[in-house]
């Protein structure tokens, strides 16, 4: 892209970042829809089929923060392109899978690629766009992800009916090649000046091991039992490893993750807010769909169509949120987002109590419109309050918080449903969580100051 102007180049880079995020998000939603068919054709057990999704999520959550830090230490273009190609090649391997073991192994490598893609896209947008345009750029990228997420279930059903489940993986490679080509030709990067710090291998082992054990314990707790020895062992070992990670990082002159970032109020509350948003997102996306089928008696396709009010705003609402975050205080937008997000969840709970799909439509639309306020302003605020050299690291932490929020959301919501048999409890709990975080944010979230940074 040498003949393209600098102004045009940044929009090409943004298109590539949107395509990369869309690639990963589409994969998440389309695999879930296709899982029953995959299980049947590969002769997998129910437990083994769950690992098609679980293996991917465990690797993604465990590695994403570390990948973000690595992006701050080396040429971020090379790292991003490597992540996209790993994702594309492993997707191709998934499509050729002849057994459940083959598929799960390939999904692990997909998780590695996705862990590189997620934080590097955020960091590259922050490096490409000036502060006054970052909100819009992040909004456009998230809108691309929302569009792909909305298309996932419908695209999955169409591909399975017309072609084969294998094509849900094979379609990824052409997109990966296009995205990697744009970034390879158009990205201009400079390596960090000064001597390269020694890589923090002890921090990497304790962080990845701790997060992997914690996520696996949360994901399997509902199946194994929350008091089962295996569950308790995973949760305890994860907590110990993460505590060891903090101790190690405090003593390091060049840590893998600078834990002092959490001393910045805006950074900490942004992470908490985005985790809350993902908790509520998984509660709605997963359990409203189940409710529509189990309680209102809809079929899978009918339930998917009934969920459209929640996802149709997603291609547009993040762009609006991005423009707002470029002109208004992030603090105000995050507080408003938490309030409206919580109210939409309460509205969903009321419609579930009334067993009325008609009453469900309005809160689903409100949920889809307000959810981006927990993603775009938070990411923009995080990029504004950390040093530029830590953008990848901060993006990785932010995404780890998001993934943990979603994992906890699925686990807790499933446990609540199993314990009470009442879908209302799922959405009331998510709503009260949003309100609790709203109160915390009200008292601790400071007004945006560009000088606010690591002490």
Protein backbone atom coordinates (compact mmCIF):
# COMPACT_ATOMS: atom_id res chain seq x y z
CA UNK A 1 0.00 0.00 0.00
CA UNK A 2 2.93 2.37 -0.56
CA UNK A 3 0.99 4.72 -2.91
CA UNK A 4 -1.88 5.25 -0.48
CA UNK A 5 -1.85 8.43 1.60
CA UNK A 6 -1.39 8.29 5.36
CA UNK A 7 -5.01 9.42 5.85
CA UNK A 8 -6.31 6.57 3.70
CA UNK A 9 -3.90 4.05 5.17
CA UNK A 10 -5.34 4.34 8.66
CA UNK A 11 -8.83 3.51 7.39
CA UNK A 12 -7.47 0.47 5.57
CA UNK A 13 -5.85 -0.59 8.85
CA UNK A 14 -9.16 -0.07 10.66
CA UNK A 15 -10.94 -2.20 8.06
CA UNK A 16 -8.38 -4.94 8.70
CA UNK A 17 -8.85 -4.62 12.48
CA UNK A 18 -12.62 -4.89 12.04
CA UNK A 19 -12.20 -7.91 9.79
CA UNK A 20 -9.89 -9.59 12.30
CA UNK A 21 -12.30 -9.03 15.19
CA UNK A 22 -15.22 -10.15 13.05
CA UNK A 23 -13.33 -13.30 12.11
CA UNK A 24 -12.90 -14.30 15.75
CA UNK A 25 -16.41 -13.30 16.85
CA UNK A 26 -18.05 -15.10 13.93
CA UNK A 27 -16.09 -18.22 14.81
CA UNK A 28 -17.41 -18.12 18.38
CA UNK A 29 -21.08 -17.88 17.42
CA UNK A 30 -21.03 -20.09 14.35
CA UNK A 31 -19.33 -23.00 16.14
CA UNK A 32 -21.96 -23.01 18.90
CA UNK A 33 -24.77 -23.34 16.37
CA UNK A 34 -22.92 -26.10 14.49
CA UNK A 35 -21.90 -28.15 17.52
CA UNK A 36 -24.78 -30.70 17.44
CA UNK A 37 -24.00 -31.54 13.80
CA UNK A 38 -20.25 -31.77 14.48
CA UNK A 39 -20.85 -34.03 17.45
CA UNK A 40 -23.03 -36.38 15.41
CA UNK A 41 -20.74 -36.63 12.37
CA UNK A 42 -17.52 -37.12 14.39
CA UNK A 43 -19.15 -39.49 16.87
CA UNK A 44 -18.21 -37.36 19.89
CA UNK A 45 -19.67 -37.74 23.36
CA UNK A 46 -21.57 -34.85 24.91
CA UNK A 47 -18.69 -34.05 27.28
CA UNK A 48 -16.11 -34.19 24.47
CA UNK A 49 -18.22 -31.92 22.28
CA UNK A 50 -18.25 -29.27 25.03
CA UNK A 51 -14.46 -29.21 24.82
CA UNK A 52 -14.70 -27.97 21.23
CA UNK A 53 -15.73 -24.65 22.80
CA UNK A 54 -14.08 -24.97 26.24
CA UNK A 55 -10.56 -25.69 24.94
CA UNK A 56 -10.71 -22.57 22.77
CA UNK A 57 -11.94 -20.34 25.62
CA UNK A 58 -9.43 -21.61 28.18
CA UNK A 59 -6.47 -20.95 25.87
CA UNK A 60 -7.84 -17.58 24.74
CA UNK A 61 -8.46 -16.32 28.28
CA UNK A 62 -5.15 -17.62 29.58
CA UNK A 63 -2.98 -16.09 26.86
CA UNK A 64 -4.64 -12.81 25.88
CA UNK A 65 -3.01 -10.60 28.54
CA UNK A 66 0.44 -12.06 27.84
CA UNK A 67 -0.03 -11.59 24.09
CA UNK A 68 -0.88 -7.94 24.65
CA UNK A 69 2.37 -7.39 26.55
CA UNK A 70 4.41 -9.16 23.88
CA UNK A 71 2.93 -6.74 21.35
CA UNK A 72 4.49 -3.86 23.31
CA UNK A 73 7.95 -5.47 23.17
CA UNK A 74 8.28 -6.55 19.52
CA UNK A 75 7.14 -5.40 16.10
CA UNK A 76 3.37 -5.45 16.52
CA UNK A 77 2.78 -5.92 12.78
CA UNK A 78 4.69 -9.19 12.75
CA UNK A 79 2.89 -10.41 15.87
CA UNK A 80 -0.55 -9.53 14.50
CA UNK A 81 0.09 -11.16 11.13
CA UNK A 82 1.40 -14.27 12.88
CA UNK A 83 -1.75 -14.42 15.02
CA UNK A 84 -4.05 -14.06 12.02
CA UNK A 85 -2.22 -16.75 10.05
CA UNK A 86 -2.20 -19.12 13.05
CA UNK A 87 -5.93 -18.60 13.35
CA UNK A 88 -6.50 -19.15 9.63
CA UNK A 89 -4.31 -22.26 9.35
CA UNK A 90 -5.79 -23.85 12.48
CA UNK A 91 -9.28 -23.10 11.14
CA UNK A 92 -8.37 -25.00 7.98
CA UNK A 93 -7.15 -27.89 10.14
CA UNK A 94 -10.48 -27.83 12.01
CA UNK A 95 -12.30 -28.23 8.71
CA UNK A 96 -10.29 -31.34 7.85
CA UNK A 97 -10.77 -32.93 11.29
CA UNK A 98 -11.46 -36.66 11.21
CA UNK A 99 -11.94 -37.10 14.95
CA UNK A 100 -12.91 -35.19 18.05
CA UNK A 101 -9.31 -35.18 19.30
CA UNK A 102 -8.11 -33.69 16.02
CA UNK A 103 -10.77 -30.96 16.16
CA UNK A 104 -10.12 -30.06 19.81
CA UNK A 105 -6.36 -29.86 19.19
CA UNK A 106 -6.89 -27.54 16.24
CA UNK A 107 -9.25 -25.42 18.36
CA UNK A 108 -6.46 -24.97 20.91
CA UNK A 109 -4.31 -23.41 18.18
CA UNK A 110 -7.26 -21.27 17.12
CA UNK A 111 -7.34 -19.99 20.70
CA UNK A 112 -3.66 -19.07 20.48
CA UNK A 113 -4.29 -17.10 17.28
CA UNK A 114 -7.32 -15.36 18.75
CA UNK A 115 -5.37 -14.46 21.92
CA UNK A 116 -2.85 -12.63 19.71
CA UNK A 117 -5.50 -10.96 17.53
CA UNK A 118 -7.68 -9.50 20.29
CA UNK A 119 -5.24 -7.20 22.15
CA UNK A 120 -3.13 -6.29 19.13
CA UNK A 121 -6.18 -4.90 17.29
CA UNK A 122 -6.93 -2.56 20.20
CA UNK A 123 -3.29 -1.46 20.46
CA UNK A 124 -2.97 -0.93 16.70
CA UNK A 125 -6.07 1.25 16.61
CA UNK A 126 -4.68 3.30 19.51
CA UNK A 127 -1.37 3.70 17.63
CA UNK A 128 -3.06 4.56 14.32
CA UNK A 129 -5.71 7.09 15.36
CA UNK A 130 -5.27 10.31 17.35
CA UNK A 131 -7.10 10.53 20.69
CA UNK A 132 -9.96 12.60 19.25
CA UNK A 133 -10.77 9.81 16.72
CA UNK A 134 -10.14 6.70 18.82
CA UNK A 135 -13.70 6.43 20.10
CA UNK A 136 -15.10 6.43 16.57
CA UNK A 137 -12.45 3.94 15.40
CA UNK A 138 -13.10 1.56 18.29
CA UNK A 139 -16.85 1.94 17.70
CA UNK A 140 -16.49 1.00 14.04
CA UNK A 141 -14.35 -2.02 14.94
CA UNK A 142 -16.84 -3.22 17.57
CA UNK A 143 -19.68 -2.62 15.09
CA UNK A 144 -17.92 -4.98 12.69
CA UNK A 145 -17.70 -7.54 15.47
CA UNK A 146 -21.38 -7.02 16.32
CA UNK A 147 -22.39 -7.49 12.70
CA UNK A 148 -20.48 -10.76 12.46
CA UNK A 149 -21.91 -11.90 15.80
CA UNK A 150 -25.43 -11.21 14.53
CA UNK A 151 -24.77 -13.11 11.31
CA UNK A 152 -23.19 -16.11 13.07
CA UNK A 153 -26.27 -18.20 13.89
CA UNK A 154 -27.97 -17.55 10.54
CA UNK A 155 -24.75 -18.11 8.56
CA UNK A 156 -24.08 -21.31 10.49
CA UNK A 157 -27.51 -22.71 9.75
CA UNK A 158 -27.25 -21.82 6.06
CA UNK A 159 -23.75 -23.30 5.62
CA UNK A 160 -24.70 -26.54 7.37
CA UNK A 161 -27.87 -26.94 5.31
CA UNK A 162 -26.31 -26.05 1.94
CA UNK A 163 -22.68 -27.18 2.29
CA UNK A 164 -21.14 -28.85 5.34
CA UNK A 165 -20.12 -27.90 8.88
CA UNK A 166 -16.51 -28.03 7.67
CA UNK A 167 -17.06 -24.84 5.68
CA UNK A 168 -17.66 -22.82 8.85
CA UNK A 169 -13.91 -23.25 9.40
CA UNK A 170 -12.69 -23.19 5.81
CA UNK A 171 -14.19 -19.73 5.16
CA UNK A 172 -11.78 -18.24 7.71
CA UNK A 173 -8.57 -18.69 5.72
CA UNK A 174 -9.39 -16.36 2.78
CA UNK A 175 -10.41 -13.62 5.22
CA UNK A 176 -7.24 -14.21 7.26
CA UNK A 177 -5.07 -13.86 4.14
CA UNK A 178 -6.82 -10.60 3.14
CA UNK A 179 -6.46 -9.10 6.64
CA UNK A 180 -2.83 -10.15 6.99
CA UNK A 181 -1.99 -8.73 3.53
CA UNK A 182 -3.51 -5.33 4.31
CA UNK A 183 -1.62 -5.00 7.59
CA UNK A 184 1.66 -6.34 6.18
CA UNK A 185 1.66 -3.79 3.35
CA UNK A 186 0.08 -0.85 5.13
CA UNK A 187 1.38 -0.85 8.69
CA UNK A 188 4.32 1.39 9.59
CA UNK A 189 5.83 0.58 12.97
CA UNK A 190 8.90 1.39 14.98
CA UNK A 191 10.44 -0.90 17.53
CA UNK A 192 10.72 0.37 21.12
CA UNK A 193 13.94 2.29 21.66
CA UNK A 194 16.57 1.24 24.17
CA UNK A 195 17.73 -2.22 25.22
CA UNK A 196 15.19 -5.00 25.12
CA UNK A 197 14.12 -6.16 28.60
CA UNK A 198 14.48 -9.81 29.49
CA UNK A 199 11.24 -11.67 28.93
CA UNK A 200 9.43 -12.47 32.18
CA UNK A 201 9.06 -16.24 31.83
CA UNK A 202 8.12 -16.76 35.49
CA UNK A 203 5.34 -14.21 35.15
CA UNK A 204 4.12 -15.87 31.95
CA UNK A 205 3.94 -19.33 33.55
CA UNK A 206 2.10 -18.17 36.67
CA UNK A 207 -0.30 -15.90 34.75
CA UNK A 208 -1.26 -18.40 32.07
CA UNK A 209 -1.37 -21.31 34.50
CA UNK A 210 -3.42 -19.38 37.03
CA UNK A 211 -5.94 -18.05 34.53
CA UNK A 212 -6.27 -21.42 32.79
CA UNK A 213 -6.92 -23.24 36.09
CA UNK A 214 -9.37 -20.58 37.27
CA UNK A 215 -11.32 -20.53 33.99
CA UNK A 216 -11.40 -24.31 33.76
CA UNK A 217 -12.66 -24.58 37.34
CA UNK A 218 -15.41 -22.03 36.65
CA UNK A 219 -16.43 -23.69 33.39
CA UNK A 220 -16.52 -27.22 34.80
CA UNK A 221 -17.95 -26.39 38.21
CA UNK A 222 -21.55 -26.74 37.06
CA UNK A 223 -20.86 -30.23 35.63
CA UNK A 224 -18.50 -31.57 38.28
CA UNK A 225 -20.16 -29.84 41.24
CA UNK A 226 -18.86 -26.70 42.95
CA UNK A 227 -17.70 -28.67 45.99
CA UNK A 228 -16.12 -31.51 44.00
CA UNK A 229 -12.42 -32.04 44.79
CA UNK A 230 -11.39 -31.44 41.17
CA UNK A 231 -13.29 -28.14 41.01
CA UNK A 232 -11.93 -26.90 44.33
CA UNK A 233 -8.40 -27.97 43.37
CA UNK A 234 -8.57 -26.01 40.11
CA UNK A 235 -10.00 -22.88 41.73
CA UNK A 236 -7.50 -23.01 44.60
CA UNK A 237 -4.50 -23.64 42.34
CA UNK A 238 -5.61 -20.84 40.04
CA UNK A 239 -5.90 -18.41 42.96
CA UNK A 240 -2.49 -19.42 44.34
CA UNK A 241 -0.81 -19.10 40.94
CA UNK A 242 -2.31 -15.64 40.36
CA UNK A 243 -1.25 -14.53 43.85
CA UNK A 244 2.26 -15.76 43.06
CA UNK A 245 2.10 -13.85 39.78
CA UNK A 246 1.33 -10.58 41.60
CA UNK A 247 4.23 -11.13 44.03
CA UNK A 248 6.61 -11.88 41.15
CA UNK A 249 5.50 -8.88 39.09
CA UNK A 250 5.88 -6.42 41.97
CA UNK A 251 9.54 -7.41 42.31
CA UNK A 252 10.34 -7.27 38.58
CA UNK A 253 11.95 -4.21 37.01
CA UNK A 254 10.47 -5.25 33.63
CA UNK A 255 7.34 -7.24 34.52
CA UNK A 256 5.16 -9.13 32.09
CA UNK A 257 2.17 -7.17 33.42
CA UNK A 258 2.67 -3.94 35.35
CA UNK A 259 0.27 -4.50 38.26
CA UNK A 260 0.60 -0.82 39.13
CA UNK A 261 -1.85 -0.16 36.30
CA UNK A 262 -4.60 -1.24 38.68
CA UNK A 263 -3.77 1.74 40.89
CA UNK A 264 -5.30 3.94 38.17
CA UNK A 265 -9.02 4.26 39.11
CA UNK A 266 -10.17 4.66 35.51
CA UNK A 267 -8.26 1.55 34.42
CA UNK A 268 -9.62 -0.65 37.23
CA UNK A 269 -13.22 0.49 36.92
CA UNK A 270 -13.12 0.16 33.13
CA UNK A 271 -12.04 -3.46 33.51
CA UNK A 272 -14.81 -4.08 36.06
CA UNK A 273 -17.41 -2.42 33.83
CA UNK A 274 -16.46 -4.40 30.74
CA UNK A 275 -16.47 -7.66 32.73
CA UNK A 276 -19.97 -6.78 33.94
CA UNK A 277 -21.07 -6.08 30.38
CA UNK A 278 -19.77 -9.44 29.18
CA UNK A 279 -21.43 -11.20 32.13
CA UNK A 280 -24.76 -9.69 31.10
CA UNK A 281 -24.12 -10.36 27.41
CA UNK A 282 -23.62 -14.07 27.97
CA UNK A 283 -26.68 -14.21 30.25
CA UNK A 284 -28.81 -12.73 27.47
CA UNK A 285 -27.29 -14.41 24.41
CA UNK A 286 -27.25 -17.89 25.93
CA UNK A 287 -30.17 -18.02 28.34
CA UNK A 288 -32.78 -15.92 26.53
CA UNK A 289 -32.35 -18.28 23.57
CA UNK A 290 -32.83 -21.28 25.88
CA UNK A 291 -35.84 -19.64 27.55
CA UNK A 292 -37.53 -19.01 24.22
CA UNK A 293 -37.30 -22.70 23.38
CA UNK A 294 -37.90 -24.34 26.75
CA UNK A 295 -40.61 -22.02 28.09
CA UNK A 296 -42.22 -20.34 25.09
CA UNK A 297 -41.95 -23.48 22.95
CA UNK A 298 -40.09 -21.99 19.98
CA UNK A 299 -37.93 -24.07 17.63
CA UNK A 300 -34.21 -23.30 17.22
CA UNK A 301 -34.64 -21.24 14.03
CA UNK A 302 -37.68 -19.41 15.43
CA UNK A 303 -35.75 -18.63 18.61
CA UNK A 304 -32.84 -17.30 16.55
CA UNK A 305 -35.18 -14.98 14.66
CA UNK A 306 -36.81 -13.93 17.94
CA UNK A 307 -33.37 -12.87 19.22
CA UNK A 308 -32.86 -10.45 16.32
CA UNK A 309 -34.14 -7.38 18.25
CA UNK A 310 -31.16 -7.80 20.58
CA UNK A 311 -28.51 -8.03 17.86
CA UNK A 312 -29.87 -5.79 15.09
CA UNK A 313 -28.73 -2.57 16.86
CA UNK A 314 -25.17 -3.88 17.20
CA UNK A 315 -23.90 -2.84 13.74
CA UNK A 316 -24.91 0.80 14.47
CA UNK A 317 -24.93 1.37 18.25
CA UNK A 318 -21.14 0.95 18.72
CA UNK A 319 -20.48 3.68 16.13
CA UNK A 320 -22.85 6.01 18.00
CA UNK A 321 -21.12 5.10 21.27
CA UNK A 322 -17.77 5.80 19.63
CA UNK A 323 -18.80 9.27 18.49
CA UNK A 324 -20.20 10.05 21.94
CA UNK A 325 -16.99 8.90 23.62
CA UNK A 326 -14.98 11.30 21.44
CA UNK A 327 -17.04 14.26 22.68
CA UNK A 328 -18.12 13.45 26.25
CA UNK A 329 -16.49 12.36 29.48
CA UNK A 330 -15.91 8.58 29.54
CA UNK A 331 -17.04 8.65 33.19
CA UNK A 332 -20.49 9.94 32.24
CA UNK A 333 -20.95 7.47 29.40
CA UNK A 334 -19.85 4.48 31.49
CA UNK A 335 -22.23 5.45 34.32
CA UNK A 336 -25.13 5.95 31.90
CA UNK A 337 -24.26 2.67 30.19
CA UNK A 338 -24.31 0.74 33.48
CA UNK A 339 -27.64 2.28 34.44
CA UNK A 340 -29.38 1.59 31.13
CA UNK A 341 -27.79 -1.85 30.85
CA UNK A 342 -29.09 -2.82 34.29
CA UNK A 343 -32.56 -1.46 33.52
CA UNK A 344 -32.73 -3.47 30.27
CA UNK A 345 -31.87 -6.64 32.21
CA UNK A 346 -34.62 -5.89 34.73
CA UNK A 347 -36.99 -5.42 31.78
CA UNK A 348 -35.99 -8.83 30.40
CA UNK A 349 -36.64 -10.36 33.84
CA UNK A 350 -40.12 -8.80 33.93
CA UNK A 351 -40.98 -10.12 30.45
CA UNK A 352 -39.76 -13.57 31.48
CA UNK A 353 -41.99 -13.41 34.57
CA UNK A 354 -44.94 -12.46 32.35
CA UNK A 355 -44.03 -15.19 29.83
CA UNK A 356 -44.61 -12.69 27.02
CA UNK A 357 -42.42 -12.35 23.96
CA UNK A 358 -44.17 -9.07 23.13
CA UNK A 359 -42.94 -7.56 26.39
CA UNK A 360 -39.48 -8.99 25.73
CA UNK A 361 -38.89 -7.10 22.46
CA UNK A 362 -38.40 -3.61 23.95
CA UNK A 363 -35.82 -4.57 26.62
CA UNK A 364 -33.93 -6.66 24.05
CA UNK A 365 -33.68 -3.63 21.76
CA UNK A 366 -32.62 -1.45 24.71
CA UNK A 367 -30.00 -4.03 25.67
CA UNK A 368 -28.54 -4.08 22.14
CA UNK A 369 -28.46 -0.27 22.00
CA UNK A 370 -26.83 0.31 25.40
CA UNK A 371 -24.36 -2.57 25.60
CA UNK A 372 -21.71 -0.77 23.48
CA UNK A 373 -21.54 1.93 26.18
CA UNK A 374 -19.80 -0.69 28.33
CA UNK A 375 -17.25 -1.47 25.61
CA UNK A 376 -16.32 1.58 23.54
CA UNK A 377 -15.92 4.31 26.24
CA UNK A 378 -14.15 1.87 28.56
CA UNK A 379 -11.55 0.89 25.95
CA UNK A 380 -11.05 4.48 24.92
CA UNK A 381 -10.61 5.51 28.56
CA UNK A 382 -8.08 2.74 29.14
CA UNK A 383 -5.99 3.83 26.15
CA UNK A 384 -6.10 7.43 27.40
CA UNK A 385 -4.84 6.81 30.93
CA UNK A 386 -1.97 4.38 30.30
CA UNK A 387 1.35 5.23 28.65
CA UNK A 388 1.50 4.63 24.91
CA UNK A 389 4.17 1.98 25.45
CA UNK A 390 1.66 -0.05 27.50
CA UNK A 391 -1.30 0.03 25.08
CA UNK A 392 -0.96 -3.64 24.13
CA UNK A 393 -0.53 -4.68 27.75
CA UNK A 394 -3.54 -2.64 28.89
CA UNK A 395 -5.64 -3.95 26.00
CA UNK A 396 -4.74 -7.52 26.92
CA UNK A 397 -5.76 -6.98 30.55
CA UNK A 398 -9.01 -5.34 29.46
CA UNK A 399 -9.85 -8.26 27.21
CA UNK A 400 -8.93 -10.77 29.92
CA UNK A 401 -11.43 -9.04 32.21
CA UNK A 402 -14.05 -9.26 29.45
CA UNK A 403 -13.45 -12.95 28.86
CA UNK A 404 -13.48 -13.75 32.58
CA UNK A 405 -16.74 -11.83 32.94
CA UNK A 406 -18.33 -13.92 30.19
CA UNK A 407 -17.03 -17.20 31.61
CA UNK A 408 -18.30 -16.34 35.08
CA UNK A 409 -21.59 -15.19 33.57
CA UNK A 410 -22.25 -18.53 31.89
CA UNK A 411 -21.19 -20.53 34.95
CA UNK A 412 -23.15 -18.51 37.52
CA UNK A 413 -26.25 -18.20 35.32
CA UNK A 414 -26.26 -21.94 34.69
CA UNK A 415 -25.84 -22.67 38.39
CA UNK A 416 -28.70 -20.30 39.27
CA UNK A 417 -30.98 -21.95 36.72
CA UNK A 418 -30.10 -25.42 37.99
CA UNK A 419 -30.72 -24.37 41.60
CA UNK A 420 -33.99 -22.45 41.10
CA UNK A 421 -35.42 -23.48 37.72
CA UNK A 422 -36.37 -19.80 37.35
CA UNK A 423 -35.00 -17.80 34.41
CA UNK A 424 -35.91 -14.54 36.13
CA UNK A 425 -33.15 -15.07 38.69
CA UNK A 426 -30.52 -15.08 35.93
CA UNK A 427 -31.45 -11.65 34.61
CA UNK A 428 -32.21 -10.11 38.00
CA UNK A 429 -28.77 -11.16 39.22
CA UNK A 430 -27.09 -9.64 36.15
CA UNK A 431 -29.14 -6.45 36.59
CA UNK A 432 -28.25 -6.08 40.27
CA UNK A 433 -24.59 -6.70 39.41
CA UNK A 434 -24.70 -3.81 36.92
CA UNK A 435 -26.26 -1.56 39.57
CA UNK A 436 -23.63 -2.55 42.14
CA UNK A 437 -20.83 -1.71 39.71
CA UNK A 438 -22.64 1.57 38.93
CA UNK A 439 -22.43 2.55 42.61
CA UNK A 440 -18.74 1.61 42.79
CA UNK A 441 -18.01 3.53 39.60
CA UNK A 442 -19.91 6.59 40.82
CA UNK A 443 -17.64 6.97 43.83
CA UNK A 444 -14.31 5.84 42.36
CA UNK A 445 -14.28 6.65 38.64
CA UNK A 446 -12.46 9.92 38.15
CA UNK A 447 -12.95 12.45 35.43
CA UNK A 448 -10.73 11.84 32.40
CA UNK A 449 -7.30 13.43 32.64
CA UNK A 450 -4.76 12.71 29.96
CA UNK A 451 -2.05 13.03 32.61
CA UNK A 452 -3.51 10.22 34.67
CA UNK A 453 -1.12 7.32 34.31
CA UNK A 454 0.92 4.77 36.15
CA UNK A 455 2.28 6.34 39.34
